[in-house]
Amino acid sequence: MNYNEMIAYIDDPDNGFVQEKTINNITYRVSYRPTELLIAQETRTKQNMLSDEIHELFEKYNNQHYFVFSISKGTSEVQYSSANQNEYAQLINKLNFNLHETIFLTSSAGDTLNLINYHFTPTYGLTQSTDLLFFFEKEQEKVEYLQFNIKELGLYTGNTKFRFKRKALYSKRLKNQHPNSKN
């Protein structure tokens, strides 16, 4: 499976990697990004990588869970649809500095997995959604599901939860998918 096929597979809601909810005209989309996709993304322009190089990338990415969280209002970035300057400033501040207080990952075992970091890149209204990349520690035991939790962001959506089944996230179809590897 090449990189584009992998993206198409992951972006198909039937495969369990992506979920979307719309509340009060605000759309939240959460997409799990498996290790195999991150490796494929990093290696897609490289040819004939050695298996040792692929293994190093696997070790680099495999200790964390990666999620892309997208927020939109209609067909625009949510922060640019704010009614007034004060709401806009509060939302930008929250997106830049305070999401660690608002977004967290839990497991079916009842554990809260630490948010290691997140990345928000302002695109100044040039895209259809505000996208953030979150990385969480990986659980130590096998669990039935992971739940991406969002507390109220000030968008009048309330607390929102997205539950991802472990079986889907560890899809056998994606295992050993390194198209640029060479032994």
Protein backbone atom coordinates (compact mmCIF):
# COMPACT_ATOMS: atom_id res chain seq x y z
CA MET A 1 0.00 0.00 0.00
CA ASN A 2 1.54 3.34 -1.01
CA TYR A 3 1.19 6.58 0.94
CA ASN A 4 -1.89 7.84 -0.95
CA GLU A 5 -3.64 4.47 -0.60
CA MET A 6 -2.84 4.51 3.11
CA ILE A 7 -4.36 8.00 3.50
CA ALA A 8 -7.49 6.89 1.63
CA TYR A 9 -7.78 3.79 3.84
CA ILE A 10 -7.37 5.81 7.05
CA ASP A 11 -9.76 8.57 5.92
CA ASP A 12 -12.53 6.04 5.19
CA PRO A 13 -14.80 6.18 8.29
CA ASP A 14 -15.69 2.49 7.86
CA ASN A 15 -12.12 1.53 8.81
CA GLY A 16 -12.35 3.09 12.29
CA PHE A 17 -9.52 5.65 12.14
CA VAL A 18 -11.65 8.78 11.74
CA GLN A 19 -14.81 10.07 13.39
CA GLU A 20 -16.78 13.27 12.94
CA LYS A 21 -19.51 15.05 14.90
CA THR A 22 -21.36 18.28 14.16
CA ILE A 23 -22.86 20.18 17.08
CA ASN A 24 -24.40 23.66 16.69
CA ASN A 25 -22.84 24.03 13.23
CA ILE A 26 -19.35 23.27 14.63
CA THR A 27 -17.75 20.16 13.15
CA TYR A 28 -15.19 18.19 15.12
CA ARG A 29 -13.21 15.60 13.19
CA VAL A 30 -10.72 13.35 14.98
CA SER A 31 -8.39 11.12 13.01
CA TYR A 32 -5.97 8.57 14.46
CA ARG A 33 -2.59 8.56 12.71
CA PRO A 34 -0.91 5.14 13.00
CA THR A 35 2.85 4.67 13.17
CA GLU A 36 2.86 3.15 9.67
CA LEU A 37 1.37 6.31 8.18
CA LEU A 38 3.92 8.55 9.90
CA ILE A 39 6.75 6.38 8.58
CA ALA A 40 5.26 6.41 5.07
CA GLN A 41 4.87 10.19 5.25
CA GLU A 42 8.49 10.66 6.26
CA THR A 43 9.86 8.22 3.67
CA ARG A 44 7.64 8.87 0.65
CA THR A 45 10.30 10.87 -1.18
CA LYS A 46 13.12 8.46 -0.32
CA GLN A 47 13.94 5.36 -2.34
CA ASN A 48 15.42 2.05 -1.19
CA MET A 49 15.60 2.67 2.53
CA LEU A 50 17.38 0.01 4.55
CA SER A 51 15.31 -1.99 7.00
CA ASP A 52 17.47 -0.55 9.83
CA GLU A 53 16.42 2.96 8.82
CA ILE A 54 12.76 1.93 8.78
CA HIS A 55 13.20 0.30 12.19
CA GLU A 56 14.67 3.55 13.60
CA LEU A 57 11.62 5.46 12.39
CA PHE A 58 9.35 2.81 13.89
CA GLU A 59 11.08 3.25 17.25
CA LYS A 60 10.78 7.03 16.92
CA TYR A 61 7.00 7.02 16.35
CA ASN A 62 5.72 3.84 17.99
CA ASN A 63 5.80 5.02 21.62
CA GLN A 64 3.01 7.55 21.18
CA HIS A 65 -0.54 7.85 19.88
CA TYR A 66 -1.04 10.56 17.25
CA PHE A 67 -4.38 12.23 16.54
CA VAL A 68 -5.32 15.07 14.19
CA PHE A 69 -8.16 17.15 15.60
CA SER A 70 -9.94 19.37 13.06
CA ILE A 71 -12.50 22.04 13.90
CA SER A 72 -14.61 23.92 11.39
CA LYS A 73 -17.74 26.01 11.20
CA GLY A 74 -19.46 25.48 7.90
CA THR A 75 -16.64 25.50 5.38
CA SER A 76 -14.20 27.74 7.24
CA GLU A 77 -11.75 27.69 10.10
CA VAL A 78 -13.63 28.07 13.35
CA GLN A 79 -11.58 30.94 14.76
CA TYR A 80 -12.40 33.17 11.76
CA SER A 81 -16.12 32.65 12.18
CA SER A 82 -16.15 34.12 15.70
CA ALA A 83 -18.75 36.79 16.24
CA ASN A 84 -16.44 39.35 17.82
CA GLN A 85 -12.79 40.18 18.43
CA ASN A 86 -12.89 39.11 22.09
CA GLU A 87 -14.20 35.60 21.26
CA TYR A 88 -11.61 35.32 18.49
CA ALA A 89 -8.75 36.28 20.86
CA GLN A 90 -9.93 33.83 23.53
CA LEU A 91 -10.15 30.97 21.04
CA ILE A 92 -6.73 31.69 19.53
CA ASN A 93 -5.22 31.83 23.03
CA LYS A 94 -6.82 28.49 23.92
CA LEU A 95 -5.65 26.86 20.66
CA ASN A 96 -2.10 28.09 21.15
CA PHE A 97 -1.57 27.60 24.86
CA ASN A 98 -4.35 25.90 26.82
CA LEU A 99 -5.58 22.79 25.05
CA HIS A 100 -3.73 20.56 27.51
CA GLU A 101 -6.48 21.57 29.97
CA THR A 102 -9.26 20.79 27.52
CA ILE A 103 -8.29 17.70 25.50
CA PHE A 104 -7.25 14.35 26.96
CA LEU A 105 -7.09 10.68 26.06
CA THR A 106 -8.49 7.87 28.20
CA SER A 107 -8.47 4.11 27.81
CA SER A 108 -11.04 1.42 28.48
CA ALA A 109 -8.91 0.47 31.51
CA GLY A 110 -9.84 3.84 33.06
CA ASP A 111 -6.39 5.37 32.58
CA THR A 112 -5.75 8.91 31.39
CA LEU A 113 -2.84 8.91 28.94
CA ASN A 114 -0.56 11.91 29.25
CA LEU A 115 -0.63 14.55 26.55
CA ILE A 116 2.99 14.84 25.50
CA ASN A 117 2.52 17.79 23.17
CA TYR A 118 0.32 19.28 20.50
CA HIS A 119 0.95 21.44 17.47
CA PHE A 120 -1.27 24.19 16.09
CA THR A 121 -0.27 25.99 12.90
CA PRO A 122 -2.29 29.11 12.12
CA THR A 123 -3.34 29.16 8.46
CA TYR A 124 -5.04 32.57 8.56
CA GLY A 125 -8.32 31.53 6.97
CA LEU A 126 -6.75 29.75 3.98
CA THR A 127 -8.11 26.29 4.80
CA GLN A 128 -11.52 24.81 5.53
CA SER A 129 -10.67 23.73 9.07
CA THR A 130 -8.39 24.42 12.01
CA ASP A 131 -6.14 21.36 12.37
CA LEU A 132 -4.09 20.36 15.40
CA LEU A 133 -1.78 17.38 15.89
CA PHE A 134 -1.81 15.76 19.34
CA PHE A 135 0.61 13.18 20.66
CA PHE A 136 -0.18 11.14 23.75
CA GLU A 137 1.79 8.52 25.63
CA LYS A 138 0.96 4.96 24.62
CA GLU A 139 -0.80 2.71 27.11
CA GLN A 140 1.21 -0.12 28.65
CA GLU A 141 -1.51 -2.76 28.45
CA LYS A 142 -3.89 -3.90 25.76
CA VAL A 143 -7.16 -2.05 25.99
CA GLU A 144 -10.49 -2.36 24.23
CA TYR A 145 -10.64 1.28 23.13
CA LEU A 146 -9.09 4.74 23.36
CA GLN A 147 -11.33 7.75 23.93
CA PHE A 148 -10.41 11.24 22.69
CA ASN A 149 -12.14 13.69 25.07
CA ILE A 150 -12.84 17.36 24.41
CA LYS A 151 -14.11 19.61 27.18
CA GLU A 152 -16.19 22.64 26.19
CA LEU A 153 -13.96 24.89 24.04
CA GLY A 154 -16.16 27.97 24.28
CA LEU A 155 -17.96 27.01 21.05
CA TYR A 156 -21.18 25.86 22.75
CA THR A 157 -20.66 22.22 21.82
CA GLY A 158 -20.43 20.82 25.34
CA ASN A 159 -18.11 17.99 26.27
CA THR A 160 -17.54 15.67 23.31
CA LYS A 161 -16.08 12.16 23.14
CA PHE A 162 -14.72 10.05 20.29
CA ARG A 163 -14.17 6.36 20.99
CA PHE A 164 -11.72 4.40 18.82
CA LYS A 165 -11.63 0.61 18.99
CA ARG A 166 -8.15 -0.83 19.48
CA LYS A 167 -8.83 -3.57 16.95
CA ALA A 168 -9.28 -0.96 14.20
CA LEU A 169 -6.31 1.18 15.25
CA TYR A 170 -3.94 -1.77 15.09
CA SER A 171 -5.17 -2.88 11.68
CA LYS A 172 -3.25 -5.81 10.21
CA ARG A 173 -3.77 -4.25 6.80
CA LEU A 174 -1.32 -1.46 7.71
CA LYS A 175 1.34 -3.62 9.37
CA ASN A 176 4.59 -3.96 7.42
CA GLN A 177 3.52 -1.26 4.98
CA HIS A 178 6.84 0.36 4.18
CA PRO A 179 6.91 0.75 0.37
CA ASN A 180 10.40 2.25 0.29
CA SER A 181 12.18 -0.42 2.30
CA LYS A 182 15.02 -2.57 1.06
CA ASN A 183 16.55 -5.37 3.15
